[in-house]
Structure formats: C-alpha cells, structure tokens
PDB file of N, CA and C in Angstrom:
ATOM      1  N   MET A   1      26.157 -38.849  11.920  1.00  0.00           N
ATOM      2  CA  MET A   1      24.816 -38.306  11.977  1.00  0.00           C
ATOM      3  C   MET A   1      24.873 -36.801  12.210  1.00  0.00           C
ATOM      4  N   GLU A   2      25.741 -36.377  13.135  1.00  0.00           N
ATOM      5  CA  GLU A   2      25.835 -34.965  13.436  1.00  0.00           C
ATOM      6  C   GLU A   2      26.399 -34.168  12.264  1.00  0.00           C
ATOM      7  N   SER A   3      27.317 -34.762  11.532  1.00  0.00           N
ATOM      8  CA  SER A   3      27.907 -34.056  10.394  1.00  0.00           C
ATOM      9  C   SER A   3      26.865 -33.835   9.289  1.00  0.00           C
ATOM     10  N   SER A   4      25.939 -34.780   9.137  1.00  0.00           N
ATOM     11  CA  SER A   4      24.895 -34.599   8.121  1.00  0.00           C
ATOM     12  C   SER A   4      23.933 -33.484   8.542  1.00  0.00           C
ATOM     13  N   ASN A   5      23.644 -33.377   9.843  1.00  0.00           N
ATOM     14  CA  ASN A   5      22.807 -32.288  10.349  1.00  0.00           C
ATOM     15  C   ASN A   5      23.481 -30.938  10.128  1.00  0.00           C
ATOM     16  N   LEU A   6      24.793 -30.886  10.367  1.00  0.00           N
ATOM     17  CA  LEU A   6      25.514 -29.633  10.165  1.00  0.00           C
ATOM     18  C   LEU A   6      25.520 -29.246   8.690  1.00  0.00           C
ATOM     19  N   ALA A   7      25.713 -30.220   7.818  1.00  0.00           N
ATOM     20  CA  ALA A   7      25.711 -29.938   6.385  1.00  0.00           C
ATOM     21  C   ALA A   7      24.337 -29.444   5.949  1.00  0.00           C
ATOM     22  N   TYR A   8      23.288 -30.059   6.484  1.00  0.00           N
ATOM     23  CA  TYR A   8      21.922 -29.637   6.153  1.00  0.00           C
ATOM     24  C   TYR A   8      21.661 -28.212   6.638  1.00  0.00           C
ATOM     25  N   LYS A   9      22.073 -27.906   7.860  1.00  0.00           N
ATOM     26  CA  LYS A   9      21.868 -26.557   8.410  1.00  0.00           C
ATOM     27  C   LYS A   9      22.623 -25.506   7.598  1.00  0.00           C
ATOM     28  N   GLU A  10      23.831 -25.865   7.147  1.00  0.00           N
ATOM     29  CA  GLU A  10      24.605 -24.937   6.324  1.00  0.00           C
ATOM     30  C   GLU A  10      23.901 -24.678   4.987  1.00  0.00           C
ATOM     31  N   LYS A  11      23.312 -25.724   4.399  1.00  0.00           N
ATOM     32  CA  LYS A  11      22.571 -25.568   3.147  1.00  0.00           C
ATOM     33  C   LYS A  11      21.371 -24.652   3.343  1.00  0.00           C
ATOM     34  N   VAL A  12      20.655 -24.842   4.431  1.00  0.00           N
ATOM     35  CA  VAL A  12      19.473 -24.029   4.717  1.00  0.00           C
ATOM     36  C   VAL A  12      19.877 -22.572   4.911  1.00  0.00           C
ATOM     37  N   GLU A  13      20.967 -22.332   5.621  1.00  0.00           N
ATOM     38  CA  GLU A  13      21.434 -20.969   5.857  1.00  0.00           C
ATOM     39  C   GLU A  13      21.835 -20.283   4.555  1.00  0.00           C
ATOM     40  N   LYS A  14      22.441 -21.015   3.641  1.00  0.00           N
ATOM     41  CA  LYS A  14      22.835 -20.445   2.354  1.00  0.00           C
ATOM     42  C   LYS A  14      21.620 -20.078   1.508  1.00  0.00           C
ATOM     43  N   ASN A  15      20.564 -20.885   1.606  1.00  0.00           N
ATOM     44  CA  ASN A  15      19.384 -20.673   0.776  1.00  0.00           C
ATOM     45  C   ASN A  15      18.436 -19.612   1.323  1.00  0.00           C
ATOM     46  N   LYS A  16      18.631 -19.174   2.557  1.00  0.00           N
ATOM     47  CA  LYS A  16      17.750 -18.173   3.130  1.00  0.00           C
ATOM     48  C   LYS A  16      17.982 -16.823   2.464  1.00  0.00           C
ATOM     49  N   VAL A  17      16.904 -16.138   2.250  1.00  0.00           N
ATOM     50  CA  VAL A  17      16.990 -14.794   1.701  1.00  0.00           C
ATOM     51  C   VAL A  17      17.131 -13.832   2.866  1.00  0.00           C
ATOM     52  N   LYS A  18      18.149 -13.023   2.814  1.00  0.00           N
ATOM     53  CA  LYS A  18      18.374 -12.078   3.902  1.00  0.00           C
ATOM     54  C   LYS A  18      17.578 -10.818   3.629  1.00  0.00           C
ATOM     55  N   SER A  19      16.879 -10.372   4.630  1.00  0.00           N
ATOM     56  CA  SER A  19      16.060  -9.174   4.522  1.00  0.00           C
ATOM     57  C   SER A  19      16.957  -7.942   4.545  1.00  0.00           C
ATOM     58  N   ILE A  20      16.806  -7.126   3.528  1.00  0.00           N
ATOM     59  CA  ILE A  20      17.575  -5.891   3.468  1.00  0.00           C
ATOM     60  C   ILE A  20      16.584  -4.748   3.642  1.00  0.00           C
ATOM     61  N   ASP A  21      16.594  -4.156   4.803  1.00  0.00           N
ATOM     62  CA  ASP A  21      15.685  -3.063   5.097  1.00  0.00           C
ATOM     63  C   ASP A  21      16.514  -1.812   5.340  1.00  0.00           C
ATOM     64  N   LYS A  22      16.680  -1.034   4.299  1.00  0.00           N
ATOM     65  CA  LYS A  22      17.497   0.177   4.391  1.00  0.00           C
ATOM     66  C   LYS A  22      16.799   1.284   5.167  1.00  0.00           C
ATOM     67  N   PHE A  23      15.476   1.193   5.318  1.00  0.00           N
ATOM     68  CA  PHE A  23      14.750   2.226   6.038  1.00  0.00           C
ATOM     69  C   PHE A  23      15.060   2.206   7.525  1.00  0.00           C
ATOM     70  N   ASN A  24      15.463   1.056   8.047  1.00  0.00           N
ATOM     71  CA  ASN A  24      15.835   0.999   9.463  1.00  0.00           C
ATOM     72  C   ASN A  24      17.162   1.696   9.726  1.00  0.00           C
ATOM     73  N   ASP A  25      17.968   1.882   8.660  1.00  0.00           N
ATOM     74  CA  ASP A  25      19.230   2.586   8.820  1.00  0.00           C
ATOM     75  C   ASP A  25      19.027   4.082   9.036  1.00  0.00           C
ATOM     76  N   LEU A  26      17.882   4.605   8.583  1.00  0.00           N
ATOM     77  CA  LEU A  26      17.592   6.023   8.793  1.00  0.00           C
ATOM     78  C   LEU A  26      17.208   6.236  10.255  1.00  0.00           C
ATOM     79  N   LYS A  27      17.975   7.031  10.946  1.00  0.00           N
ATOM     80  CA  LYS A  27      17.742   7.240  12.372  1.00  0.00           C
ATOM     81  C   LYS A  27      16.588   8.193  12.642  1.00  0.00           C
ATOM     82  N   SER A  28      16.424   9.173  11.781  1.00  0.00           N
ATOM     83  CA  SER A  28      15.432  10.205  12.015  1.00  0.00           C
ATOM     84  C   SER A  28      14.151   9.914  11.231  1.00  0.00           C
ATOM     85  N   ASP A  29      13.024  10.093  11.883  1.00  0.00           N
ATOM     86  CA  ASP A  29      11.737   9.927  11.212  1.00  0.00           C
ATOM     87  C   ASP A  29      11.517  11.024  10.178  1.00  0.00           C
ATOM     88  N   TYR A  30      12.121  12.166  10.401  1.00  0.00           N
ATOM     89  CA  TYR A  30      11.984  13.293   9.484  1.00  0.00           C
ATOM     90  C   TYR A  30      12.515  12.925   8.097  1.00  0.00           C
ATOM     91  N   PHE A  31      13.681  12.317   8.038  1.00  0.00           N
ATOM     92  CA  PHE A  31      14.267  11.935   6.761  1.00  0.00           C
ATOM     93  C   PHE A  31      13.477  10.821   6.102  1.00  0.00           C
ATOM     94  N   LEU A  32      12.949   9.924   6.895  1.00  0.00           N
ATOM     95  CA  LEU A  32      12.109   8.862   6.349  1.00  0.00           C
ATOM     96  C   LEU A  32      10.850   9.451   5.728  1.00  0.00           C
ATOM     97  N   GLN A  33      10.262  10.434   6.376  1.00  0.00           N
ATOM     98  CA  GLN A  33       9.079  11.095   5.823  1.00  0.00           C
ATOM     99  C   GLN A  33       9.418  11.850   4.552  1.00  0.00           C
ATOM    100  N   LYS A  34      10.590  12.443   4.483  1.00  0.00           N
ATOM    101  CA  LYS A  34      11.027  13.141   3.271  1.00  0.00           C
ATOM    102  C   LYS A  34      11.188  12.166   2.103  1.00  0.00           C
ATOM    103  N   VAL A  35      11.714  10.984   2.379  1.00  0.00           N
ATOM    104  CA  VAL A  35      11.879   9.982   1.333  1.00  0.00           C
ATOM    105  C   VAL A  35      10.516   9.573   0.784  1.00  0.00           C
ATOM    106  N   PHE A  36       9.556   9.329   1.665  1.00  0.00           N
ATOM    107  CA  PHE A  36       8.238   8.880   1.229  1.00  0.00           C
ATOM    108  C   PHE A  36       7.373  10.029   0.699  1.00  0.00           C
ATOM    109  N   SER A  37       7.748  11.262   0.976  1.00  0.00           N
ATOM    110  CA  SER A  37       6.971  12.383   0.436  1.00  0.00           C
ATOM    111  C   SER A  37       7.211  12.557  -1.061  1.00  0.00           C
ATOM    112  N   ASN A  38       8.291  11.979  -1.575  1.00  0.00           N
ATOM    113  CA  ASN A  38       8.567  12.059  -3.006  1.00  0.00           C
ATOM    114  C   ASN A  38       7.728  11.074  -3.817  1.00  0.00           C
ATOM    115  N   LEU A  39       7.068  10.145  -3.145  1.00  0.00           N
ATOM    116  CA  LEU A  39       6.214   9.169  -3.819  1.00  0.00           C
ATOM    117  C   LEU A  39       4.757   9.603  -3.740  1.00  0.00           C
ATOM    118  N   GLU A  40       3.941   9.034  -4.610  1.00  0.00           N
ATOM    119  CA  GLU A  40       2.498   9.242  -4.491  1.00  0.00           C
ATOM    120  C   GLU A  40       2.031   8.587  -3.197  1.00  0.00           C
ATOM    121  N   ARG A  41       0.974   9.128  -2.625  1.00  0.00           N
ATOM    122  CA  ARG A  41       0.478   8.629  -1.332  1.00  0.00           C
ATOM    123  C   ARG A  41       0.062   7.169  -1.428  1.00  0.00           C
ATOM    124  N   LYS A  42      -0.625   6.815  -2.494  1.00  0.00           N
ATOM    125  CA  LYS A  42      -1.093   5.438  -2.651  1.00  0.00           C
ATOM    126  C   LYS A  42       0.081   4.476  -2.803  1.00  0.00           C
ATOM    127  N   LYS A  43       1.097   4.882  -3.531  1.00  0.00           N
ATOM    128  CA  LYS A  43       2.274   4.043  -3.737  1.00  0.00           C
ATOM    129  C   LYS A  43       3.031   3.835  -2.426  1.00  0.00           C
ATOM    130  N   SER A  44       3.170   4.887  -1.641  1.00  0.00           N
ATOM    131  CA  SER A  44       3.895   4.757  -0.375  1.00  0.00           C
ATOM    132  C   SER A  44       3.131   3.874   0.615  1.00  0.00           C
ATOM    133  N   ILE A  45       1.812   3.954   0.599  1.00  0.00           N
ATOM    134  CA  ILE A  45       1.019   3.107   1.493  1.00  0.00           C
ATOM    135  C   ILE A  45       1.135   1.646   1.078  1.00  0.00           C
ATOM    136  N   ASN A  46       1.180   1.376  -0.214  1.00  0.00           N
ATOM    137  CA  ASN A  46       1.358  -0.002  -0.676  1.00  0.00           C
ATOM    138  C   ASN A  46       2.740  -0.533  -0.312  1.00  0.00           C
ATOM    139  N   ILE A  47       3.736   0.318  -0.286  1.00  0.00           N
ATOM    140  CA  ILE A  47       5.089  -0.118   0.071  1.00  0.00           C
ATOM    141  C   ILE A  47       5.163  -0.523   1.535  1.00  0.00           C
ATOM    142  N   VAL A  48       4.546   0.235   2.413  1.00  0.00           N
ATOM    143  CA  VAL A  48       4.668  -0.030   3.849  1.00  0.00           C
ATOM    144  C   VAL A  48       3.487  -0.819   4.404  1.00  0.00           C
ATOM    145  N   LYS A  49       2.722  -1.412   3.536  1.00  0.00           N
ATOM    146  CA  LYS A  49       1.504  -2.114   3.967  1.00  0.00           C
ATOM    147  C   LYS A  49       1.785  -3.182   5.025  1.00  0.00           C
ATOM    148  N   TYR A  50       2.879  -3.899   4.897  1.00  0.00           N
ATOM    149  CA  TYR A  50       3.150  -5.018   5.794  1.00  0.00           C
ATOM    150  C   TYR A  50       4.261  -4.732   6.806  1.00  0.00           C
ATOM    151  N   ASN A  51       4.728  -3.498   6.881  1.00  0.00           N
ATOM    152  CA  ASN A  51       5.821  -3.168   7.786  1.00  0.00           C
ATOM    153  C   ASN A  51       5.309  -2.229   8.876  1.00  0.00           C
ATOM    154  N   ASN A  52       5.004  -2.789  10.020  1.00  0.00           N
ATOM    155  CA  ASN A  52       4.426  -2.005  11.120  1.00  0.00           C
ATOM    156  C   ASN A  52       5.386  -0.967  11.678  1.00  0.00           C
ATOM    157  N   ASN A  53       6.662  -1.260  11.668  1.00  0.00           N
ATOM    158  CA  ASN A  53       7.647  -0.320  12.189  1.00  0.00           C
ATOM    159  C   ASN A  53       7.639   0.977  11.370  1.00  0.00           C
ATOM    160  N   ILE A  54       7.642   0.859  10.063  1.00  0.00           N
ATOM    161  CA  ILE A  54       7.641   2.052   9.212  1.00  0.00           C
ATOM    162  C   ILE A  54       6.289   2.746   9.270  1.00  0.00           C
ATOM    163  N   LYS A  55       5.205   1.989   9.409  1.00  0.00           N
ATOM    164  CA  LYS A  55       3.878   2.598   9.551  1.00  0.00           C
ATOM    165  C   LYS A  55       3.843   3.537  10.749  1.00  0.00           C
ATOM    166  N   GLU A  56       4.405   3.091  11.846  1.00  0.00           N
ATOM    167  CA  GLU A  56       4.424   3.921  13.054  1.00  0.00           C
ATOM    168  C   GLU A  56       5.304   5.141  12.866  1.00  0.00           C
ATOM    169  N   ARG A  57       6.437   4.979  12.195  1.00  0.00           N
ATOM    170  CA  ARG A  57       7.347   6.103  11.989  1.00  0.00           C
ATOM    171  C   ARG A  57       6.777   7.136  11.035  1.00  0.00           C
ATOM    172  N   LEU A  58       5.949   6.699  10.082  1.00  0.00           N
ATOM    173  CA  LEU A  58       5.337   7.621   9.122  1.00  0.00           C
ATOM    174  C   LEU A  58       3.957   8.108   9.564  1.00  0.00           C
ATOM    175  N   ASN A  59       3.486   7.613  10.685  1.00  0.00           N
ATOM    176  CA  ASN A  59       2.162   7.970  11.224  1.00  0.00           C
ATOM    177  C   ASN A  59       1.043   7.631  10.239  1.00  0.00           C
ATOM    178  N   ILE A  60       1.092   6.431   9.702  1.00  0.00           N
ATOM    179  CA  ILE A  60       0.045   5.955   8.801  1.00  0.00           C
ATOM    180  C   ILE A  60      -0.946   5.144   9.619  1.00  0.00           C
ATOM    181  N   ASN A  61      -2.232   5.444   9.476  1.00  0.00           N
ATOM    182  CA  ASN A  61      -3.249   4.712  10.210  1.00  0.00           C
ATOM    183  C   ASN A  61      -4.349   4.250   9.254  1.00  0.00           C
ATOM    184  N   ILE A  62      -5.398   3.696   9.795  1.00  0.00           N
ATOM    185  CA  ILE A  62      -6.467   3.109   8.997  1.00  0.00           C
ATOM    186  C   ILE A  62      -7.166   4.156   8.136  1.00  0.00           C
ATOM    187  N   ASN A  63      -7.228   5.379   8.603  1.00  0.00           N
ATOM    188  CA  ASN A  63      -7.886   6.432   7.819  1.00  0.00           C
ATOM    189  C   ASN A  63      -7.135   6.728   6.525  1.00  0.00           C
ATOM    190  N   ASP A  64      -5.821   6.596   6.551  1.00  0.00           N
ATOM    191  CA  ASP A  64      -5.041   6.784   5.327  1.00  0.00           C
ATOM    192  C   ASP A  64      -5.361   5.705   4.306  1.00  0.00           C
ATOM    193  N   TYR A  65      -5.542   4.480   4.785  1.00  0.00           N
ATOM    194  CA  TYR A  65      -5.898   3.390   3.878  1.00  0.00           C
ATOM    195  C   TYR A  65      -7.279   3.627   3.269  1.00  0.00           C
ATOM    196  N   LYS A  66      -8.214   4.080   4.090  1.00  0.00           N
ATOM    197  CA  LYS A  66      -9.564   4.346   3.597  1.00  0.00           C
ATOM    198  C   LYS A  66      -9.553   5.465   2.563  1.00  0.00           C
ATOM    199  N   GLU A  67      -8.758   6.472   2.816  1.00  0.00           N
ATOM    200  CA  GLU A  67      -8.678   7.615   1.913  1.00  0.00           C
ATOM    201  C   GLU A  67      -8.108   7.218   0.547  1.00  0.00           C
ATOM    202  N   CYS A  68      -7.108   6.363   0.553  1.00  0.00           N
ATOM    203  CA  CYS A  68      -6.458   5.977  -0.698  1.00  0.00           C
ATOM    204  C   CYS A  68      -7.196   4.871  -1.434  1.00  0.00           C
ATOM    205  N   SER A  69      -8.068   4.166  -0.759  1.00  0.00           N
ATOM    206  CA  SER A  69      -8.752   3.054  -1.413  1.00  0.00           C
ATOM    207  C   SER A  69     -10.128   3.434  -1.935  1.00  0.00           C
ATOM    208  N   SER A  70     -10.482   4.702  -1.840  1.00  0.00           N
ATOM    209  CA  SER A  70     -11.801   5.101  -2.315  1.00  0.00           C
ATOM    210  C   SER A  70     -11.859   5.018  -3.844  1.00  0.00           C
ATOM    211  N   ILE A  71     -12.970   4.498  -4.337  1.00  0.00           N
ATOM    212  CA  ILE A  71     -13.182   4.328  -5.767  1.00  0.00           C
ATOM    213  C   ILE A  71     -14.353   5.210  -6.167  1.00  0.00           C
ATOM    214  N   ILE A  72     -14.163   5.980  -7.216  1.00  0.00           N
ATOM    215  CA  ILE A  72     -15.222   6.845  -7.713  1.00  0.00           C
ATOM    216  C   ILE A  72     -15.696   6.284  -9.049  1.00  0.00           C
ATOM    217  N   ILE A  73     -16.985   6.009  -9.116  1.00  0.00           N
ATOM    218  CA  ILE A  73     -17.587   5.475 -10.340  1.00  0.00           C
ATOM    219  C   ILE A  73     -18.485   6.556 -10.916  1.00  0.00           C
ATOM    220  N   GLU A  74     -18.246   6.872 -12.164  1.00  0.00           N
ATOM    221  CA  GLU A  74     -19.035   7.893 -12.826  1.00  0.00           C
ATOM    222  C   GLU A  74     -19.848   7.226 -13.935  1.00  0.00           C
ATOM    223  N   ILE A  75     -21.156   7.445 -13.909  1.00  0.00           N
ATOM    224  CA  ILE A  75     -22.050   6.842 -14.895  1.00  0.00           C
ATOM    225  C   ILE A  75     -22.485   7.927 -15.872  1.00  0.00           C
ATOM    226  N   LYS A  76     -22.238   7.673 -17.142  1.00  0.00           N
ATOM    227  CA  LYS A  76     -22.654   8.609 -18.189  1.00  0.00           C
ATOM    228  C   LYS A  76     -23.596   7.874 -19.133  1.00  0.00           C
ATOM    229  N   PRO A  77     -24.888   8.109 -18.996  1.00  0.00           N
ATOM    230  CA  PRO A  77     -25.837   7.438 -19.885  1.00  0.00           C
ATOM    231  C   PRO A  77     -25.824   8.078 -21.276  1.00  0.00           C
ATOM    232  N   VAL A  78     -26.105   7.257 -22.268  1.00  0.00           N
ATOM    233  CA  VAL A  78     -26.199   7.747 -23.634  1.00  0.00           C
ATOM    234  C   VAL A  78     -27.593   8.327 -23.823  1.00  0.00           C
ATOM    235  N   ASP A  79     -27.694   9.513 -24.438  1.00  0.00           N
ATOM    236  CA  ASP A  79     -28.982  10.178 -24.627  1.00  0.00           C
ATOM    237  C   ASP A  79     -29.897   9.366 -25.546  1.00  0.00           C
ATOM    238  N   ASN A  80     -31.125   9.156 -25.064  1.00  0.00           N
ATOM    239  CA  ASN A  80     -32.206   8.517 -25.832  1.00  0.00           C
ATOM    240  C   ASN A  80     -31.839   7.133 -26.372  1.00  0.00           C
ATOM    241  N   LYS A  81     -30.971   6.432 -25.720  1.00  0.00           N
ATOM    242  CA  LYS A  81     -30.598   5.088 -26.167  1.00  0.00           C
ATOM    243  C   LYS A  81     -31.591   4.052 -25.633  1.00  0.00           C
ATOM    244  N   CYS A  82     -31.847   4.060 -24.359  1.00  0.00           N
ATOM    245  CA  CYS A  82     -32.734   3.071 -23.743  1.00  0.00           C
ATOM    246  C   CYS A  82     -33.838   3.743 -22.943  1.00  0.00           C
ATOM    247  N   GLY A  83     -34.238   4.906 -23.305  1.00  0.00           N
ATOM    248  CA  GLY A  83     -35.277   5.595 -22.558  1.00  0.00           C
ATOM    249  C   GLY A  83     -34.686   6.499 -21.507  1.00  0.00           C
ATOM    250  N   GLN A  84     -35.508   6.845 -20.551  1.00  0.00           N
ATOM    251  CA  GLN A  84     -35.078   7.771 -19.504  1.00  0.00           C
ATOM    252  C   GLN A  84     -34.272   7.007 -18.447  1.00  0.00           C
ATOM    253  N   PHE A  85     -33.123   7.532 -18.095  1.00  0.00           N
ATOM    254  CA  PHE A  85     -32.231   6.851 -17.160  1.00  0.00           C
ATOM    255  C   PHE A  85     -32.641   7.087 -15.714  1.00  0.00           C
ATOM    256  N   ILE A  86     -32.897   8.323 -15.347  1.00  0.00           N
ATOM    257  CA  ILE A  86     -33.320   8.661 -13.986  1.00  0.00           C
ATOM    258  C   ILE A  86     -34.621   9.423 -14.072  1.00  0.00           C
ATOM    259  N   ASN A  87     -35.568   8.998 -13.288  1.00  0.00           N
ATOM    260  CA  ASN A  87     -36.862   9.693 -13.259  1.00  0.00           C
ATOM    261  C   ASN A  87     -36.762  10.917 -12.379  1.00  0.00           C
ATOM    262  N   TYR A  88     -37.039  12.064 -12.941  1.00  0.00           N
ATOM    263  CA  TYR A  88     -37.035  13.309 -12.177  1.00  0.00           C
ATOM    264  C   TYR A  88     -38.064  14.251 -12.779  1.00  0.00           C
ATOM    265  N   ASP A  89     -38.507  15.170 -11.966  1.00  0.00           N
ATOM    266  CA  ASP A  89     -39.458  16.163 -12.428  1.00  0.00           C
ATOM    267  C   ASP A  89     -38.697  17.267 -13.159  1.00  0.00           C
ATOM    268  N   LYS A  90     -39.349  17.848 -14.162  1.00  0.00           N
ATOM    269  CA  LYS A  90     -38.714  18.934 -14.920  1.00  0.00           C
ATOM    270  C   LYS A  90     -38.483  20.163 -14.041  1.00  0.00           C
ATOM    271  N   LYS A  91     -39.369  20.362 -13.041  1.00  0.00           N
ATOM    272  CA  LYS A  91     -39.206  21.525 -12.177  1.00  0.00           C
ATOM    273  C   LYS A  91     -38.028  21.367 -11.223  1.00  0.00           C
ATOM    274  N   ASP A  92     -37.604  20.125 -10.894  1.00  0.00           N
ATOM    275  CA  ASP A  92     -36.465  19.875 -10.004  1.00  0.00           C
ATOM    276  C   ASP A  92     -35.125  19.900 -10.738  1.00  0.00           C
ATOM    277  N   GLU A  93     -35.195  20.047 -12.016  1.00  0.00           N
ATOM    278  CA  GLU A  93     -34.001  20.000 -12.831  1.00  0.00           C
ATOM    279  C   GLU A  93     -33.046  21.125 -12.455  1.00  0.00           C
TER     280      GLU A  93
END
C-alpha cells in the first residue's frame, strides 16, 4: 500500500509545472525597473497583474491600472445623413 502511495506521489511531482520566476533573481529594484521600462506601460502592467511581489518592487498601484485602462471613444457623425446630430445654437458654435 505504501509503495503505491510513493509511486503516485512521484508521478504527481513529475507532472507539476515548476514556476520559473527570473525576476526574483534580480536583487536590485533599479534593474527590474530598467527591464520593465523597455516595455509599453500597458504591456508591463498586464505582465505583473497577478504578481504582488513585482508590483511592490515596481511601485505599481491602482491608479496605474486606471490610467492604462481608459478607453477613448470618438464619434464622427456623417454630415446630413440622419439630420442634426447635436442640437446647438449657431451663436454658441
């Protein structure tokens, strides 16, 4: 019985994916910031989204997420297609 448990545990250990986090090998936060400064801000935030240790080392907070997640929608109406798009006075133009 014990030998079957050992064989099962060995199988489980072989199938586990080992986490390779090379960023923990960098001792200095300065070098880590230099590495991430070569990426776009949005890309670097997506990379460290789930790693709290690197978030703290890079000084990323909720305001950075808000800044990168802003969406700008621009509406360009077609002239005289469906009437007047926005009602405004000619003097306020």
